[in-house]
């Protein structure tokens, strides 16, 4: 392949995936000039976890879903199961820091890969829609956690899957779900998001993203070759759309590997359902369930007003707004996310014994320097309520 052709393909891939997965449609040259000297060093961390148990759960339409389970400690006072559902183009590895924290706290944890993501198998293109993900989550719960209390945590498209599940299975929400965490997600209206590109360029990406991905879907190997050749540009694009502050290069690489391991036709097939997603009516099923909503102030993919809309629709929701926070909060500010999820679990456990309606709270967490895993030092941040 000629150098010119490689360069052109990298730009085409960037534009296509940008429009589809939020890694897209940016002025890469300007990013390179602005950030060439700012990229964080690699911290050499290992993000591979060994589950206590692996399962294959068969979805209602026959698609095998990859599931991992970490068992609760024998001495754990709580037998609550935490189900972690990842976002669009990622996989269950994205929860690595939360998995470690929840396991250390003694909780039973269930993690799974969406269809067409990670180690789960692909389905028919027509099955790549949010309603199906709600059904898939129901299958995972039915096969792995047939009884006991549950807390559902979802990031981005995973949060949408939780909303779809709540809408489809209100009886489970009433009888078994004691807590819900919705991170960097939306209940609808994503068609109006410009992804930080401005109104006009954002509209272009919305219009061209699906078709661009579709045209490249049959050239997956060629795409991977081009991306490897342009790794610096790839990492800069991923950092720009996933994070709002410096993170170790290994975190950028981990995120990029998850995104670009997702097949292009899966990315393209899911995109329309994200634009059409509307689950505000389904949020009524969260009334009475201990609920946490988290978002970053600099999230380009699911902007802060989308979390505001969820909070307005769920009485008593706890709202945590992270300054200098991007879209992939659980990897950008893992310690903070861990703290908030553990606090949610504690509130949920207490609420089971003493149900009560909590007032709506908005908390802004500031000055997070040093709290990110992989940074030098362990200085404390300040929290303002």
Protein backbone atom coordinates (compact mmCIF):
# COMPACT_ATOMS: atom_id res chain seq x y z
CA UNK A 1 0.00 0.00 0.00
CA UNK A 2 1.42 3.38 -0.92
CA UNK A 3 2.07 6.01 1.71
CA UNK A 4 -0.52 8.28 0.08
CA UNK A 5 -3.18 5.58 0.15
CA UNK A 6 -2.43 4.75 3.81
CA UNK A 7 -2.74 8.39 4.75
CA UNK A 8 -6.02 8.79 2.90
CA UNK A 9 -7.45 5.65 4.46
CA UNK A 10 -6.48 6.75 7.98
CA UNK A 11 -8.33 10.02 7.43
CA UNK A 12 -11.31 8.14 6.04
CA UNK A 13 -11.36 5.74 8.96
CA UNK A 14 -11.05 8.62 11.38
CA UNK A 15 -13.99 10.41 9.82
CA UNK A 16 -16.14 7.27 9.68
CA UNK A 17 -15.46 6.05 13.18
CA UNK A 18 -15.62 9.60 14.42
CA UNK A 19 -19.14 9.91 13.19
CA UNK A 20 -20.10 6.53 14.58
CA UNK A 21 -18.29 6.14 17.85
CA UNK A 22 -17.32 9.60 18.96
CA UNK A 23 -13.79 9.11 17.82
CA UNK A 24 -14.76 11.04 14.75
CA UNK A 25 -14.96 14.06 12.58
CA UNK A 26 -12.14 16.10 14.14
CA UNK A 27 -9.35 18.23 12.81
CA UNK A 28 -6.64 15.68 13.47
CA UNK A 29 -3.83 17.89 12.25
CA UNK A 30 -4.70 20.59 14.77
CA UNK A 31 -4.89 18.02 17.56
CA UNK A 32 -1.45 16.74 16.68
CA UNK A 33 0.00 20.26 16.76
CA UNK A 34 -1.69 21.11 20.04
CA UNK A 35 -1.03 17.91 21.95
CA UNK A 36 2.14 16.41 20.58
CA UNK A 37 4.11 17.48 23.66
CA UNK A 38 1.24 16.98 26.13
CA UNK A 39 0.53 13.27 25.79
CA UNK A 40 0.87 11.51 29.16
CA UNK A 41 3.54 8.82 29.53
CA UNK A 42 2.69 5.14 29.69
CA UNK A 43 2.32 3.83 33.26
CA UNK A 44 2.82 0.15 32.39
CA UNK A 45 -0.37 -0.98 34.15
CA UNK A 46 -1.97 -4.37 33.59
CA UNK A 47 -5.72 -4.20 33.03
CA UNK A 48 -6.40 -7.91 32.62
CA UNK A 49 -8.63 -9.53 35.25
CA UNK A 50 -9.26 -13.24 35.80
CA UNK A 51 -12.90 -13.94 36.67
CA UNK A 52 -14.00 -16.54 39.18
CA UNK A 53 -16.37 -17.89 36.55
CA UNK A 54 -17.07 -17.44 32.84
CA UNK A 55 -20.37 -18.24 31.19
CA UNK A 56 -22.04 -18.03 27.82
CA UNK A 57 -25.60 -16.75 28.07
CA UNK A 58 -27.79 -17.36 25.05
CA UNK A 59 -29.92 -14.34 24.18
CA UNK A 60 -33.56 -14.74 23.17
CA UNK A 61 -32.63 -14.70 19.48
CA UNK A 62 -29.82 -17.23 19.94
CA UNK A 63 -26.80 -14.89 20.14
CA UNK A 64 -24.14 -16.14 22.61
CA UNK A 65 -23.19 -13.43 25.11
CA UNK A 66 -19.91 -13.52 27.02
CA UNK A 67 -20.37 -13.13 30.79
CA UNK A 68 -17.87 -13.02 33.64
CA UNK A 69 -18.68 -13.41 37.34
CA UNK A 70 -16.67 -12.53 40.42
CA UNK A 71 -18.10 -14.25 43.49
CA UNK A 72 -18.84 -12.45 46.73
CA UNK A 73 -16.47 -12.93 49.64
CA UNK A 74 -17.60 -15.60 52.05
CA UNK A 75 -17.63 -13.08 54.90
CA UNK A 76 -19.45 -10.36 52.94
CA UNK A 77 -22.40 -8.99 54.85
CA UNK A 78 -24.15 -7.99 51.62
CA UNK A 79 -25.26 -10.54 49.06
CA UNK A 80 -26.20 -7.88 46.53
CA UNK A 81 -25.11 -8.60 42.97
CA UNK A 82 -23.75 -5.67 40.95
CA UNK A 83 -24.33 -5.98 37.18
CA UNK A 84 -21.95 -3.81 35.12
CA UNK A 85 -23.00 -2.96 31.55
CA UNK A 86 -20.46 -1.24 29.30
CA UNK A 87 -20.87 1.40 26.61
CA UNK A 88 -20.88 1.63 22.82
CA UNK A 89 -17.76 0.17 21.13
CA UNK A 90 -16.19 -0.74 24.50
CA UNK A 91 -16.32 -4.04 26.37
CA UNK A 92 -16.38 -5.30 29.96
CA UNK A 93 -12.66 -4.55 30.41
CA UNK A 94 -13.63 -0.88 30.66
CA UNK A 95 -14.88 -1.60 34.19
CA UNK A 96 -11.50 -2.88 35.39
CA UNK A 97 -11.05 -0.35 38.23
CA UNK A 98 -14.64 -0.62 39.44
CA UNK A 99 -14.45 -4.38 39.28
CA UNK A 100 -11.43 -4.38 41.55
CA UNK A 101 -13.00 -1.98 44.04
CA UNK A 102 -16.32 -3.82 44.20
CA UNK A 103 -14.61 -7.18 44.55
CA UNK A 104 -12.45 -5.82 47.38
CA UNK A 105 -15.62 -4.57 49.08
CA UNK A 106 -17.04 -8.09 48.95
CA UNK A 107 -19.78 -7.75 46.34
CA UNK A 108 -20.76 -10.34 43.78
CA UNK A 109 -20.16 -8.87 40.31
CA UNK A 110 -21.57 -9.80 36.91
CA UNK A 111 -20.04 -8.25 33.79
CA UNK A 112 -21.00 -8.92 30.18
CA UNK A 113 -20.18 -7.89 26.63
CA UNK A 114 -22.90 -6.48 24.39
CA UNK A 115 -23.67 -8.45 21.24
CA UNK A 116 -21.03 -7.65 18.62
CA UNK A 117 -18.68 -6.30 21.30
CA UNK A 118 -15.79 -7.90 23.17
CA UNK A 119 -16.09 -11.69 23.29
CA UNK A 120 -19.83 -11.86 22.62
CA UNK A 121 -20.95 -13.12 19.24
CA UNK A 122 -22.57 -11.02 16.55
CA UNK A 123 -26.26 -10.96 15.77
CA UNK A 124 -28.31 -9.94 12.78
CA UNK A 125 -27.82 -6.28 11.94
CA UNK A 126 -31.51 -5.72 12.70
CA UNK A 127 -30.85 -6.83 16.30
CA UNK A 128 -28.42 -4.00 17.01
CA UNK A 129 -30.84 -1.75 18.83
CA UNK A 130 -31.29 -0.55 22.40
CA UNK A 131 -34.50 -2.50 23.03
CA UNK A 132 -32.67 -5.74 22.22
CA UNK A 133 -29.93 -4.79 24.67
CA UNK A 134 -32.59 -4.53 27.39
CA UNK A 135 -33.67 -8.07 26.51
CA UNK A 136 -30.04 -9.23 26.54
CA UNK A 137 -29.56 -7.75 30.01
CA UNK A 138 -32.68 -9.58 31.15
CA UNK A 139 -31.22 -12.86 29.84
CA UNK A 140 -27.93 -12.24 31.66
CA UNK A 141 -29.75 -11.55 34.93
CA UNK A 142 -32.06 -14.54 34.51
CA UNK A 143 -29.18 -16.96 33.88
CA UNK A 144 -26.61 -15.59 36.35
CA UNK A 145 -28.69 -14.07 39.15
CA UNK A 146 -32.11 -15.73 39.32
CA UNK A 147 -32.69 -14.48 42.87
CA UNK A 148 -31.46 -11.87 45.30
CA UNK A 149 -31.07 -8.12 45.24
CA UNK A 150 -29.46 -6.39 42.25
CA UNK A 151 -27.80 -3.07 41.52
CA UNK A 152 -27.58 -2.17 37.82
CA UNK A 153 -24.73 0.06 36.63
CA UNK A 154 -24.56 1.21 33.02
CA UNK A 155 -22.20 3.50 31.11
CA UNK A 156 -23.27 5.31 27.93
CA UNK A 157 -25.09 2.73 25.75
CA UNK A 158 -24.99 0.44 28.78
CA UNK A 159 -27.05 3.02 30.66
CA UNK A 160 -29.52 3.00 27.78
CA UNK A 161 -29.70 -0.79 28.06
CA UNK A 162 -30.52 -0.41 31.77
CA UNK A 163 -33.30 2.05 30.89
CA UNK A 164 -34.68 -0.34 28.28
CA UNK A 165 -34.60 -3.18 30.81
CA UNK A 166 -36.42 -1.02 33.37
CA UNK A 167 -39.10 -0.20 30.80
CA UNK A 168 -39.49 -3.84 29.73
CA UNK A 169 -39.33 -5.44 33.20
CA UNK A 170 -40.92 -3.08 35.76
CA UNK A 171 -41.78 -6.02 38.01
CA UNK A 172 -38.08 -6.90 38.40
CA UNK A 173 -37.32 -3.27 39.14
CA UNK A 174 -39.95 -3.24 41.89
CA UNK A 175 -39.09 -6.59 43.43
CA UNK A 176 -35.35 -7.00 43.06
CA UNK A 177 -33.47 -3.93 41.84
CA UNK A 178 -32.40 -1.80 44.82
CA UNK A 179 -30.03 0.58 43.03
CA UNK A 180 -29.22 1.98 39.59
CA UNK A 181 -26.14 3.87 38.42
CA UNK A 182 -26.26 5.77 35.12
CA UNK A 183 -22.87 7.09 33.97
CA UNK A 184 -22.38 9.43 30.99
CA UNK A 185 -25.61 8.41 29.31
CA UNK A 186 -28.80 9.75 27.80
CA UNK A 187 -32.52 9.03 27.83
CA UNK A 188 -32.93 10.51 24.35
CA UNK A 189 -32.16 13.39 22.04
CA UNK A 190 -28.71 12.33 20.84
CA UNK A 191 -29.57 13.31 17.29
CA UNK A 192 -29.11 16.93 18.37
CA UNK A 193 -25.61 16.44 19.85
CA UNK A 194 -22.79 18.03 17.82
CA UNK A 195 -20.01 16.11 19.65
CA UNK A 196 -18.12 19.32 20.30
CA UNK A 197 -17.67 19.87 16.56
CA UNK A 198 -20.03 22.80 16.22
CA UNK A 199 -23.54 22.82 14.80
CA UNK A 200 -22.67 22.63 11.11
CA UNK A 201 -19.83 20.08 11.23
CA UNK A 202 -21.77 18.02 13.77
CA UNK A 203 -24.70 17.85 11.37
CA UNK A 204 -22.39 16.67 8.59
CA UNK A 205 -20.98 13.88 10.77
CA UNK A 206 -24.50 12.79 11.77
CA UNK A 207 -25.46 12.64 8.13
CA UNK A 208 -22.35 10.91 6.78
CA UNK A 209 -21.22 8.76 9.72
CA UNK A 210 -23.40 5.65 9.14
CA UNK A 211 -22.82 5.53 5.39
CA UNK A 212 -19.07 6.07 5.80
CA UNK A 213 -18.84 3.21 8.26
CA UNK A 214 -20.92 1.00 6.01
CA UNK A 215 -18.59 1.61 3.07
CA UNK A 216 -15.58 0.60 5.17
CA UNK A 217 -17.22 -2.40 6.87
CA UNK A 218 -16.01 -4.81 4.20
CA UNK A 219 -12.41 -3.61 4.57
CA UNK A 220 -11.91 -4.34 8.27
CA UNK A 221 -8.38 -5.77 7.87
CA UNK A 222 -7.31 -2.83 5.73
CA UNK A 223 -8.74 -0.46 8.33
CA UNK A 224 -6.78 -2.11 11.12
CA UNK A 225 -3.58 -1.91 9.12
CA UNK A 226 -4.11 1.79 8.48
CA UNK A 227 -4.88 2.46 12.14
CA UNK A 228 -1.76 0.69 13.29
CA UNK A 229 0.26 2.80 10.88
CA UNK A 230 -1.30 5.96 12.28
CA UNK A 231 -1.32 5.06 15.97
CA UNK A 232 -0.44 8.53 17.23
CA UNK A 233 -3.33 10.13 15.37
CA UNK A 234 -5.64 7.35 16.57
CA UNK A 235 -4.66 7.89 20.20
CA UNK A 236 -5.07 11.65 19.97
CA UNK A 237 -8.55 11.25 18.53
CA UNK A 238 -9.57 8.73 21.20
CA UNK A 239 -8.23 10.98 23.96
CA UNK A 240 -10.08 14.00 22.55
CA UNK A 241 -13.50 12.33 22.53
CA UNK A 242 -13.15 10.03 25.56
CA UNK A 243 -11.39 12.19 28.17
CA UNK A 244 -11.23 15.82 29.25
CA UNK A 245 -8.01 15.67 31.26
CA UNK A 246 -4.68 13.89 31.11
CA UNK A 247 -4.71 10.13 31.57
CA UNK A 248 -1.85 7.62 31.28
CA UNK A 249 -1.09 6.56 27.74
CA UNK A 250 -1.93 2.97 28.68
CA UNK A 251 -5.52 4.09 29.43
CA UNK A 252 -5.75 5.78 26.04
CA UNK A 253 -4.36 2.63 24.43
CA UNK A 254 -6.81 0.42 26.37
CA UNK A 255 -9.74 2.55 25.23
CA UNK A 256 -8.54 2.65 21.63
CA UNK A 257 -8.04 -1.12 21.55
CA UNK A 258 -11.60 -1.69 22.75
CA UNK A 259 -13.07 0.76 20.24
CA UNK A 260 -11.17 -0.47 17.21
CA UNK A 261 -11.68 -4.13 18.08
CA UNK A 262 -15.39 -3.59 17.45
CA UNK A 263 -16.23 -4.48 13.88
CA UNK A 264 -17.20 -1.54 11.71
CA UNK A 265 -20.50 -2.99 10.56
CA UNK A 266 -21.50 -3.43 14.22
CA UNK A 267 -20.59 0.20 14.92
CA UNK A 268 -22.60 1.36 11.92
CA UNK A 269 -25.60 -0.87 12.67
CA UNK A 270 -25.91 0.39 16.25
CA UNK A 271 -25.62 4.09 15.41
CA UNK A 272 -29.23 4.67 14.20
CA UNK A 273 -30.74 3.18 17.37
CA UNK A 274 -28.63 5.50 19.52
CA UNK A 275 -29.97 8.48 17.58
CA UNK A 276 -33.56 7.21 17.90
CA UNK A 277 -33.27 6.16 21.56
CA UNK A 278 -36.02 7.68 23.74
CA UNK A 279 -36.62 6.18 27.19
CA UNK A 280 -37.99 9.04 29.28
CA UNK A 281 -41.25 7.16 29.85
CA UNK A 282 -39.26 4.14 31.02
CA UNK A 283 -37.52 6.22 33.69
CA UNK A 284 -40.70 6.06 35.75
CA UNK A 285 -39.65 2.50 36.68
CA UNK A 286 -36.72 4.01 38.61
CA UNK A 287 -39.05 5.89 40.97
CA UNK A 288 -38.34 4.53 44.44
CA UNK A 289 -35.04 2.91 43.38
CA UNK A 290 -31.84 4.41 44.79
CA UNK A 291 -30.37 6.12 41.72
CA UNK A 292 -27.00 7.71 40.94
CA UNK A 293 -26.44 9.84 37.83
CA UNK A 294 -22.85 10.82 36.97
CA UNK A 295 -21.50 12.91 34.14
CA UNK A 296 -18.47 14.99 33.21
CA UNK A 297 -18.72 18.68 32.46
CA UNK A 298 -16.70 18.19 29.26
CA UNK A 299 -18.48 15.11 27.91
CA UNK A 300 -18.74 15.65 24.14
CA UNK A 301 -20.79 12.53 23.41
CA UNK A 302 -23.54 12.67 26.05
CA UNK A 303 -23.38 16.31 27.19
CA UNK A 304 -24.32 17.38 30.75
CA UNK A 305 -27.85 18.44 29.85
CA UNK A 306 -28.67 14.80 29.07
CA UNK A 307 -27.87 13.82 32.66
CA UNK A 308 -29.80 16.86 33.89
CA UNK A 309 -32.85 15.56 32.01
CA UNK A 310 -32.55 12.12 33.63
CA UNK A 311 -32.25 13.65 37.10
CA UNK A 312 -35.32 15.78 36.47
CA UNK A 313 -37.29 12.64 35.57
CA UNK A 314 -36.18 10.47 38.53
CA UNK A 315 -37.32 11.78 41.93
CA UNK A 316 -34.59 11.52 44.54
CA UNK A 317 -31.74 10.83 42.12
CA UNK A 318 -28.25 11.66 43.34
CA UNK A 319 -26.46 13.74 40.71
CA UNK A 320 -22.66 13.88 40.67
CA UNK A 321 -21.09 16.27 38.17
CA UNK A 322 -17.35 15.86 37.59
CA UNK A 323 -15.44 18.92 36.50
CA UNK A 324 -12.75 18.15 33.94
CA UNK A 325 -14.56 14.91 33.26
CA UNK A 326 -15.06 13.46 29.78
CA UNK A 327 -17.21 10.61 28.50
CA UNK A 328 -15.31 7.57 29.83
CA UNK A 329 -15.38 8.61 33.49
CA UNK A 330 -14.66 5.16 34.93
CA UNK A 331 -11.23 5.14 33.28
CA UNK A 332 -10.49 8.86 33.55
CA UNK A 333 -11.43 9.31 37.23
CA UNK A 334 -11.62 5.73 38.55
CA UNK A 335 -11.15 6.49 42.24
CA UNK A 336 -13.97 9.00 42.24
CA UNK A 337 -16.31 6.67 40.34
CA UNK A 338 -15.43 3.85 42.74
CA UNK A 339 -16.26 6.04 45.74
CA UNK A 340 -19.60 7.04 44.28
CA UNK A 341 -20.60 3.48 43.31
CA UNK A 342 -19.72 2.16 46.77
CA UNK A 343 -21.71 5.00 48.33
CA UNK A 344 -24.65 4.10 46.07
CA UNK A 345 -24.46 0.49 47.20
CA UNK A 346 -24.39 1.52 50.84
CA UNK A 347 -27.42 3.78 50.38
CA UNK A 348 -29.25 1.04 48.51
CA UNK A 349 -28.54 -1.51 51.26
CA UNK A 350 -29.82 0.92 53.90
CA UNK A 351 -32.91 1.75 51.87
CA UNK A 352 -33.92 -1.92 51.80
CA UNK A 353 -34.23 -1.86 55.57
CA UNK A 354 -35.56 1.70 55.92
CA UNK A 355 -37.25 2.80 52.68
CA UNK A 356 -37.52 6.55 52.40
CA UNK A 357 -37.64 9.24 49.76
CA UNK A 358 -34.35 11.10 49.55
CA UNK A 359 -34.20 14.71 48.40
CA UNK A 360 -32.61 15.39 45.06
CA UNK A 361 -28.95 16.32 45.48
CA UNK A 362 -26.59 17.94 43.03
CA UNK A 363 -22.95 17.57 43.92
CA UNK A 364 -20.03 19.02 42.00
CA UNK A 365 -16.66 17.38 42.55
CA UNK A 366 -13.72 19.64 41.84
CA UNK A 367 -9.92 19.70 41.90
CA UNK A 368 -9.26 16.09 41.01
CA UNK A 369 -5.50 16.46 40.54
CA UNK A 370 -3.71 13.39 41.82
CA UNK A 371 -6.84 11.29 42.28
CA UNK A 372 -6.57 9.60 38.91
CA UNK A 373 -5.07 6.17 38.91
CA UNK A 374 -1.65 6.22 37.26
CA UNK A 375 -0.77 9.83 38.15
CA UNK A 376 2.14 10.68 40.38
CA UNK A 377 1.25 11.15 44.02
CA UNK A 378 -1.98 10.60 45.90
CA UNK A 379 -2.98 14.16 46.89
CA UNK A 380 -6.58 14.58 47.93
CA UNK A 381 -9.13 16.46 45.87
CA UNK A 382 -11.68 18.82 47.35
CA UNK A 383 -15.38 18.16 47.06
CA UNK A 384 -17.98 20.85 47.12
CA UNK A 385 -21.68 20.14 47.70
